[in-house]
Amino acid sequence: MEEAQCASCQRKIDPIGFGLENFDAAGKWRTTESYKVDKKKPKRWTIDASGQLYRGPAFDDYFELRDIIASRETDFARGLTEHLIEYALGRPYGFTDDPLADAIMDTAKGRQFALREFIHAIVQSNAFQTK
């Protein structure tokens, strides 16, 4: 965050990471963290999963973050769609992908934004089949 070129992205990414801090690398829930240096007694602390979304509301824990994201269903779905397009097509998302993203969103919205609908729509797209 101290480097300007890093801070521009980190201020958008970090808050979500803070909200997910209760999950360890394997996805197991935890409320405390610790580490041990050499044979000394481990240092232990309570996890603080609070934060504030960039230009958005603050949250105290994972559950509040989850509720904030759930309340922005269409925004979340659009972000997911754009990232799936990048992954599926193996290239960065560009403005020329907007019609594809709109079509995928329309399909998925009709099925309550089920993940399988996003995947099915992109796999059935001309862009994916001709890449």
N, C-alpha and C. Protein backbone atom coordinates (compact mmCIF):
# COMPACT_ATOMS: atom_id res chain seq x y z
N MET A 1 0.81 -1.20 0.00
CA MET A 1 0.00 0.00 0.00
C MET A 1 0.85 1.26 0.00
N GLU A 2 2.11 1.15 0.37
CA GLU A 2 2.97 2.33 0.42
C GLU A 2 3.46 2.75 -0.96
N GLU A 3 3.49 1.84 -1.91
CA GLU A 3 3.91 2.15 -3.27
C GLU A 3 2.68 2.55 -4.09
N ALA A 4 2.73 3.72 -4.72
CA ALA A 4 1.57 4.24 -5.45
C ALA A 4 1.08 3.27 -6.52
N GLN A 5 2.01 2.66 -7.26
CA GLN A 5 1.61 1.76 -8.34
C GLN A 5 0.95 0.49 -7.80
N CYS A 6 1.22 0.12 -6.58
CA CYS A 6 0.58 -1.05 -5.95
C CYS A 6 -0.73 -0.67 -5.27
N ALA A 7 -0.75 0.49 -4.66
CA ALA A 7 -1.90 0.92 -3.86
C ALA A 7 -3.17 1.02 -4.70
N SER A 8 -3.05 1.41 -5.97
CA SER A 8 -4.24 1.59 -6.80
C SER A 8 -5.04 0.30 -6.94
N CYS A 9 -4.38 -0.83 -6.99
CA CYS A 9 -5.09 -2.12 -7.06
C CYS A 9 -5.35 -2.69 -5.67
N GLN A 10 -4.37 -2.59 -4.79
CA GLN A 10 -4.50 -3.19 -3.46
C GLN A 10 -5.68 -2.62 -2.67
N ARG A 11 -5.98 -1.34 -2.83
CA ARG A 11 -7.08 -0.77 -2.06
C ARG A 11 -8.43 -1.36 -2.49
N LYS A 12 -8.48 -1.95 -3.67
CA LYS A 12 -9.71 -2.60 -4.14
C LYS A 12 -9.74 -4.08 -3.74
N ILE A 13 -8.59 -4.70 -3.69
CA ILE A 13 -8.50 -6.14 -3.43
C ILE A 13 -8.43 -6.46 -1.95
N ASP A 14 -7.63 -5.72 -1.21
CA ASP A 14 -7.36 -6.04 0.20
C ASP A 14 -8.60 -6.18 1.07
N PRO A 15 -9.58 -5.28 0.99
CA PRO A 15 -10.73 -5.39 1.89
C PRO A 15 -11.45 -6.74 1.80
N ILE A 16 -11.58 -7.28 0.61
CA ILE A 16 -12.23 -8.58 0.46
C ILE A 16 -11.39 -9.65 1.13
N GLY A 17 -10.08 -9.56 0.96
CA GLY A 17 -9.18 -10.50 1.64
C GLY A 17 -9.29 -10.42 3.15
N PHE A 18 -9.42 -9.20 3.68
CA PHE A 18 -9.58 -9.04 5.12
C PHE A 18 -10.86 -9.73 5.58
N GLY A 19 -11.92 -9.60 4.82
CA GLY A 19 -13.19 -10.21 5.18
C GLY A 19 -13.17 -11.73 5.13
N LEU A 20 -12.22 -12.29 4.40
CA LEU A 20 -12.09 -13.75 4.28
C LEU A 20 -10.99 -14.31 5.18
N GLU A 21 -10.44 -13.48 6.02
CA GLU A 21 -9.30 -13.86 6.86
C GLU A 21 -9.61 -15.03 7.81
N ASN A 22 -10.87 -15.23 8.15
CA ASN A 22 -11.21 -16.34 9.05
C ASN A 22 -11.01 -17.71 8.42
N PHE A 23 -10.83 -17.76 7.11
CA PHE A 23 -10.61 -19.03 6.43
C PHE A 23 -9.12 -19.25 6.24
N ASP A 24 -8.65 -20.46 6.58
CA ASP A 24 -7.23 -20.75 6.36
C ASP A 24 -7.02 -21.16 4.90
N ALA A 25 -5.80 -21.57 4.56
CA ALA A 25 -5.48 -21.90 3.18
C ALA A 25 -6.30 -23.07 2.64
N ALA A 26 -6.77 -23.93 3.52
CA ALA A 26 -7.59 -25.08 3.11
C ALA A 26 -9.09 -24.79 3.20
N GLY A 27 -9.46 -23.58 3.59
CA GLY A 27 -10.86 -23.21 3.69
C GLY A 27 -11.50 -23.51 5.03
N LYS A 28 -10.69 -23.92 6.00
CA LYS A 28 -11.21 -24.23 7.34
C LYS A 28 -11.40 -22.94 8.13
N TRP A 29 -12.51 -22.85 8.86
CA TRP A 29 -12.82 -21.67 9.65
C TRP A 29 -11.91 -21.60 10.87
N ARG A 30 -11.45 -20.40 11.18
CA ARG A 30 -10.62 -20.18 12.37
C ARG A 30 -10.94 -18.81 12.95
N THR A 31 -10.76 -18.67 14.25
CA THR A 31 -11.00 -17.38 14.89
C THR A 31 -9.71 -16.80 15.46
N THR A 32 -8.68 -17.62 15.55
CA THR A 32 -7.38 -17.15 16.02
C THR A 32 -6.30 -17.61 15.06
N GLU A 33 -5.18 -16.95 15.13
CA GLU A 33 -4.01 -17.29 14.31
C GLU A 33 -2.80 -17.31 15.24
N SER A 34 -1.81 -18.07 14.87
CA SER A 34 -0.60 -18.12 15.68
C SER A 34 0.59 -18.46 14.81
N TYR A 35 1.75 -18.14 15.32
CA TYR A 35 2.97 -18.60 14.68
C TYR A 35 4.02 -18.80 15.76
N LYS A 36 4.97 -19.64 15.43
CA LYS A 36 5.99 -20.02 16.40
C LYS A 36 7.35 -19.79 15.77
N VAL A 37 8.22 -19.13 16.51
CA VAL A 37 9.59 -18.90 16.05
C VAL A 37 10.50 -19.78 16.89
N ASP A 38 11.24 -20.64 16.23
CA ASP A 38 12.13 -21.59 16.90
C ASP A 38 11.35 -22.42 17.92
N LYS A 39 11.85 -22.50 19.13
CA LYS A 39 11.19 -23.32 20.15
C LYS A 39 10.47 -22.46 21.19
N LYS A 40 10.25 -21.22 20.85
CA LYS A 40 9.55 -20.31 21.75
C LYS A 40 8.06 -20.62 21.79
N LYS A 41 7.42 -20.08 22.79
CA LYS A 41 5.97 -20.21 22.91
C LYS A 41 5.31 -19.50 21.73
N PRO A 42 4.30 -20.12 21.11
CA PRO A 42 3.66 -19.48 19.94
C PRO A 42 2.99 -18.16 20.30
N LYS A 43 3.06 -17.24 19.37
CA LYS A 43 2.34 -15.97 19.52
C LYS A 43 0.96 -16.19 18.92
N ARG A 44 -0.09 -15.81 19.64
CA ARG A 44 -1.47 -16.05 19.22
C ARG A 44 -2.26 -14.74 19.29
N TRP A 45 -3.15 -14.54 18.33
CA TRP A 45 -4.00 -13.36 18.32
C TRP A 45 -5.35 -13.70 17.69
N THR A 46 -6.34 -12.89 18.00
CA THR A 46 -7.68 -13.02 17.44
C THR A 46 -7.70 -12.39 16.06
N ILE A 47 -8.30 -13.06 15.11
CA ILE A 47 -8.36 -12.57 13.73
C ILE A 47 -9.36 -11.42 13.64
N ASP A 48 -8.93 -10.35 12.98
CA ASP A 48 -9.78 -9.19 12.72
C ASP A 48 -10.17 -9.24 11.24
N ALA A 49 -11.41 -9.60 10.96
CA ALA A 49 -11.88 -9.74 9.59
C ALA A 49 -12.70 -8.54 9.14
N SER A 50 -12.46 -7.39 9.74
CA SER A 50 -13.21 -6.19 9.37
C SER A 50 -12.51 -5.45 8.25
N GLY A 51 -13.25 -4.60 7.58
CA GLY A 51 -12.68 -3.80 6.51
C GLY A 51 -13.73 -2.89 5.93
N GLN A 52 -13.37 -2.26 4.83
CA GLN A 52 -14.30 -1.40 4.12
C GLN A 52 -14.04 -1.55 2.63
N LEU A 53 -15.09 -1.83 1.88
CA LEU A 53 -14.95 -1.95 0.43
C LEU A 53 -14.54 -0.61 -0.16
N TYR A 54 -13.77 -0.66 -1.21
CA TYR A 54 -13.35 0.55 -1.90
C TYR A 54 -14.58 1.33 -2.34
N ARG A 55 -14.68 2.56 -1.89
CA ARG A 55 -15.83 3.41 -2.18
C ARG A 55 -17.15 2.75 -1.78
N GLY A 56 -17.12 1.98 -0.72
CA GLY A 56 -18.33 1.28 -0.31
C GLY A 56 -18.44 1.16 1.19
N PRO A 57 -19.37 0.34 1.63
CA PRO A 57 -19.64 0.22 3.06
C PRO A 57 -18.56 -0.56 3.82
N ALA A 58 -18.53 -0.31 5.11
CA ALA A 58 -17.64 -1.04 6.01
C ALA A 58 -18.34 -2.31 6.47
N PHE A 59 -17.56 -3.29 6.91
CA PHE A 59 -18.10 -4.53 7.45
C PHE A 59 -17.24 -4.95 8.63
N ASP A 60 -17.86 -5.67 9.56
CA ASP A 60 -17.17 -6.10 10.77
C ASP A 60 -16.59 -7.51 10.67
N ASP A 61 -17.16 -8.33 9.78
CA ASP A 61 -16.71 -9.72 9.69
C ASP A 61 -17.13 -10.32 8.35
N TYR A 62 -16.80 -11.58 8.16
CA TYR A 62 -17.11 -12.29 6.93
C TYR A 62 -18.61 -12.25 6.63
N PHE A 63 -19.43 -12.42 7.65
CA PHE A 63 -20.87 -12.50 7.44
C PHE A 63 -21.44 -11.19 6.90
N GLU A 64 -20.95 -10.08 7.40
CA GLU A 64 -21.39 -8.78 6.86
C GLU A 64 -20.88 -8.58 5.44
N LEU A 65 -19.64 -8.99 5.17
CA LEU A 65 -19.10 -8.90 3.80
C LEU A 65 -19.96 -9.73 2.86
N ARG A 66 -20.29 -10.95 3.27
CA ARG A 66 -21.13 -11.83 2.46
C ARG A 66 -22.46 -11.18 2.14
N ASP A 67 -23.07 -10.54 3.14
CA ASP A 67 -24.36 -9.90 2.93
C ASP A 67 -24.26 -8.70 1.98
N ILE A 68 -23.18 -7.96 2.09
CA ILE A 68 -22.97 -6.82 1.18
C ILE A 68 -22.85 -7.31 -0.26
N ILE A 69 -22.04 -8.34 -0.46
CA ILE A 69 -21.86 -8.89 -1.81
C ILE A 69 -23.17 -9.46 -2.34
N ALA A 70 -23.90 -10.17 -1.49
CA ALA A 70 -25.19 -10.76 -1.91
C ALA A 70 -26.20 -9.68 -2.29
N SER A 71 -26.11 -8.53 -1.66
CA SER A 71 -27.05 -7.45 -1.98
C SER A 71 -26.73 -6.79 -3.32
N ARG A 72 -25.57 -7.11 -3.86
CA ARG A 72 -25.15 -6.56 -5.16
C ARG A 72 -25.04 -7.70 -6.18
N GLU A 73 -26.07 -8.48 -6.26
CA GLU A 73 -26.07 -9.69 -7.07
C GLU A 73 -25.68 -9.43 -8.53
N THR A 74 -26.25 -8.41 -9.14
CA THR A 74 -25.97 -8.14 -10.55
C THR A 74 -24.52 -7.69 -10.74
N ASP A 75 -24.00 -6.86 -9.85
CA ASP A 75 -22.60 -6.43 -9.95
C ASP A 75 -21.66 -7.63 -9.82
N PHE A 76 -21.96 -8.48 -8.84
CA PHE A 76 -21.13 -9.67 -8.64
C PHE A 76 -21.17 -10.57 -9.87
N ALA A 77 -22.38 -10.78 -10.40
CA ALA A 77 -22.55 -11.63 -11.57
C ALA A 77 -21.80 -11.07 -12.78
N ARG A 78 -21.80 -9.75 -12.94
CA ARG A 78 -21.09 -9.14 -14.06
C ARG A 78 -19.59 -9.36 -13.92
N GLY A 79 -19.06 -9.15 -12.73
CA GLY A 79 -17.64 -9.38 -12.50
C GLY A 79 -17.26 -10.83 -12.76
N LEU A 80 -18.09 -11.75 -12.28
CA LEU A 80 -17.85 -13.17 -12.51
C LEU A 80 -17.86 -13.47 -14.00
N THR A 81 -18.82 -12.91 -14.71
CA THR A 81 -18.93 -13.13 -16.15
C THR A 81 -17.68 -12.66 -16.88
N GLU A 82 -17.22 -11.47 -16.58
CA GLU A 82 -16.04 -10.93 -17.25
C GLU A 82 -14.81 -11.78 -16.97
N HIS A 83 -14.67 -12.26 -15.75
CA HIS A 83 -13.51 -13.09 -15.42
C HIS A 83 -13.62 -14.48 -16.05
N LEU A 84 -14.83 -15.02 -16.14
CA LEU A 84 -15.00 -16.30 -16.83
C LEU A 84 -14.66 -16.18 -18.32
N ILE A 85 -15.03 -15.07 -18.91
CA ILE A 85 -14.70 -14.85 -20.32
C ILE A 85 -13.18 -14.81 -20.50
N GLU A 86 -12.50 -14.10 -19.62
CA GLU A 86 -11.03 -14.06 -19.68
C GLU A 86 -10.44 -15.46 -19.59
N TYR A 87 -10.92 -16.21 -18.61
CA TYR A 87 -10.40 -17.56 -18.40
C TYR A 87 -10.71 -18.47 -19.58
N ALA A 88 -11.95 -18.45 -20.03
CA ALA A 88 -12.39 -19.35 -21.10
C ALA A 88 -11.72 -19.04 -22.43
N LEU A 89 -11.51 -17.75 -22.70
CA LEU A 89 -10.93 -17.36 -23.99
C LEU A 89 -9.41 -17.22 -23.93
N GLY A 90 -8.86 -17.27 -22.73
CA GLY A 90 -7.40 -17.22 -22.57
C GLY A 90 -6.79 -15.89 -22.94
N ARG A 91 -7.51 -14.83 -22.71
CA ARG A 91 -7.00 -13.48 -23.02
C ARG A 91 -7.72 -12.47 -22.15
N PRO A 92 -7.19 -11.25 -22.06
CA PRO A 92 -7.87 -10.22 -21.26
C PRO A 92 -9.24 -9.86 -21.82
N TYR A 93 -10.13 -9.50 -20.93
CA TYR A 93 -11.46 -9.04 -21.32
C TYR A 93 -11.33 -7.67 -21.95
N GLY A 94 -12.03 -7.45 -23.06
CA GLY A 94 -12.01 -6.16 -23.73
C GLY A 94 -13.42 -5.66 -23.99
N PHE A 95 -13.53 -4.40 -24.39
CA PHE A 95 -14.85 -3.82 -24.63
C PHE A 95 -15.60 -4.56 -25.72
N THR A 96 -14.89 -5.23 -26.63
CA THR A 96 -15.58 -5.99 -27.68
C THR A 96 -16.25 -7.25 -27.13
N ASP A 97 -15.94 -7.59 -25.89
CA ASP A 97 -16.57 -8.75 -25.24
C ASP A 97 -17.88 -8.37 -24.55
N ASP A 98 -18.23 -7.10 -24.53
CA ASP A 98 -19.45 -6.67 -23.85
C ASP A 98 -20.70 -7.38 -24.36
N PRO A 99 -20.89 -7.55 -25.68
CA PRO A 99 -22.10 -8.27 -26.14
C PRO A 99 -22.14 -9.71 -25.64
N LEU A 100 -20.99 -10.38 -25.60
CA LEU A 100 -20.94 -11.74 -25.08
C LEU A 100 -21.30 -11.75 -23.60
N ALA A 101 -20.73 -10.82 -22.84
CA ALA A 101 -21.03 -10.74 -21.41
C ALA A 101 -22.51 -10.46 -21.18
N ASP A 102 -23.09 -9.58 -21.98
CA ASP A 102 -24.52 -9.27 -21.85
C ASP A 102 -25.37 -10.52 -22.11
N ALA A 103 -25.00 -11.28 -23.14
CA ALA A 103 -25.75 -12.49 -23.47
C ALA A 103 -25.63 -13.53 -22.35
N ILE A 104 -24.44 -13.69 -21.81
CA ILE A 104 -24.23 -14.64 -20.71
C ILE A 104 -25.04 -14.20 -19.49
N MET A 105 -24.99 -12.91 -19.19
CA MET A 105 -25.75 -12.39 -18.04
C MET A 105 -27.25 -12.63 -18.22
N ASP A 106 -27.76 -12.40 -19.42
CA ASP A 106 -29.19 -12.61 -19.67
C ASP A 106 -29.57 -14.07 -19.45
N THR A 107 -28.75 -14.97 -19.95
CA THR A 107 -29.00 -16.40 -19.77
C THR A 107 -28.97 -16.78 -18.30
N ALA A 108 -27.92 -16.35 -17.61
CA ALA A 108 -27.75 -16.73 -16.20
C ALA A 108 -28.83 -16.10 -15.31
N LYS A 109 -29.22 -14.87 -15.62
CA LYS A 109 -30.24 -14.20 -14.80
C LYS A 109 -31.56 -14.95 -14.86
N GLY A 110 -31.88 -15.51 -15.99
CA GLY A 110 -33.11 -16.28 -16.14
C GLY A 110 -33.12 -17.55 -15.31
N ARG A 111 -31.96 -17.93 -14.81
CA ARG A 111 -31.84 -19.15 -13.98
C ARG A 111 -31.27 -18.82 -12.60
N GLN A 112 -31.62 -17.64 -12.07
CA GLN A 112 -31.20 -17.19 -10.73
C GLN A 112 -29.67 -17.16 -10.57
N PHE A 113 -28.97 -16.83 -11.64
CA PHE A 113 -27.50 -16.71 -11.63
C PHE A 113 -26.80 -17.98 -11.14
N ALA A 114 -27.32 -19.14 -11.49
CA ALA A 114 -26.66 -20.40 -11.13
C ALA A 114 -25.33 -20.49 -11.88
N LEU A 115 -24.29 -20.90 -11.20
CA LEU A 115 -22.95 -20.96 -11.79
C LEU A 115 -22.94 -21.80 -13.07
N ARG A 116 -23.64 -22.91 -13.07
CA ARG A 116 -23.65 -23.77 -14.25
C ARG A 116 -24.18 -23.04 -15.48
N GLU A 117 -25.06 -22.07 -15.28
CA GLU A 117 -25.60 -21.32 -16.41
C GLU A 117 -24.55 -20.41 -17.04
N PHE A 118 -23.71 -19.80 -16.22
CA PHE A 118 -22.60 -18.99 -16.74
C PHE A 118 -21.68 -19.86 -17.59
N ILE A 119 -21.31 -21.00 -17.03
CA ILE A 119 -20.37 -21.89 -17.71
C ILE A 119 -20.98 -22.43 -18.99
N HIS A 120 -22.21 -22.89 -18.93
CA HIS A 120 -22.88 -23.42 -20.12
C HIS A 120 -22.97 -22.36 -21.20
N ALA A 121 -23.33 -21.14 -20.84
CA ALA A 121 -23.48 -20.06 -21.83
C ALA A 121 -22.16 -19.74 -22.50
N ILE A 122 -21.07 -19.71 -21.74
CA ILE A 122 -19.79 -19.38 -22.39
C ILE A 122 -19.31 -20.52 -23.27
N VAL A 123 -19.51 -21.76 -22.83
CA VAL A 123 -19.08 -22.91 -23.63
C VAL A 123 -19.87 -22.99 -24.92
N GLN A 124 -21.13 -22.58 -24.89
CA GLN A 124 -21.97 -22.62 -26.08
C GLN A 124 -21.76 -21.41 -27.00
N SER A 125 -20.99 -20.43 -26.54
CA SER A 125 -20.79 -19.22 -27.34
C SER A 125 -19.89 -19.46 -28.54
N ASN A 126 -20.11 -18.68 -29.57
CA ASN A 126 -19.29 -18.74 -30.77
C ASN A 126 -17.84 -18.37 -30.43
N ALA A 127 -17.65 -17.40 -29.57
CA ALA A 127 -16.30 -16.96 -29.19
C ALA A 127 -15.50 -18.10 -28.59
N PHE A 128 -16.13 -18.88 -27.76
CA PHE A 128 -15.42 -20.02 -27.14
C PHE A 128 -15.20 -21.14 -28.14
N GLN A 129 -16.19 -21.44 -28.94
CA GLN A 129 -16.08 -22.56 -29.86
C GLN A 129 -15.15 -22.31 -31.03
N THR A 130 -14.82 -21.04 -31.29
CA THR A 130 -13.93 -20.72 -32.41
C THR A 130 -12.60 -20.14 -31.96
N LYS A 131 -12.29 -20.24 -30.69
CA LYS A 131 -11.04 -19.64 -30.21
C LYS A 131 -9.82 -20.40 -30.64
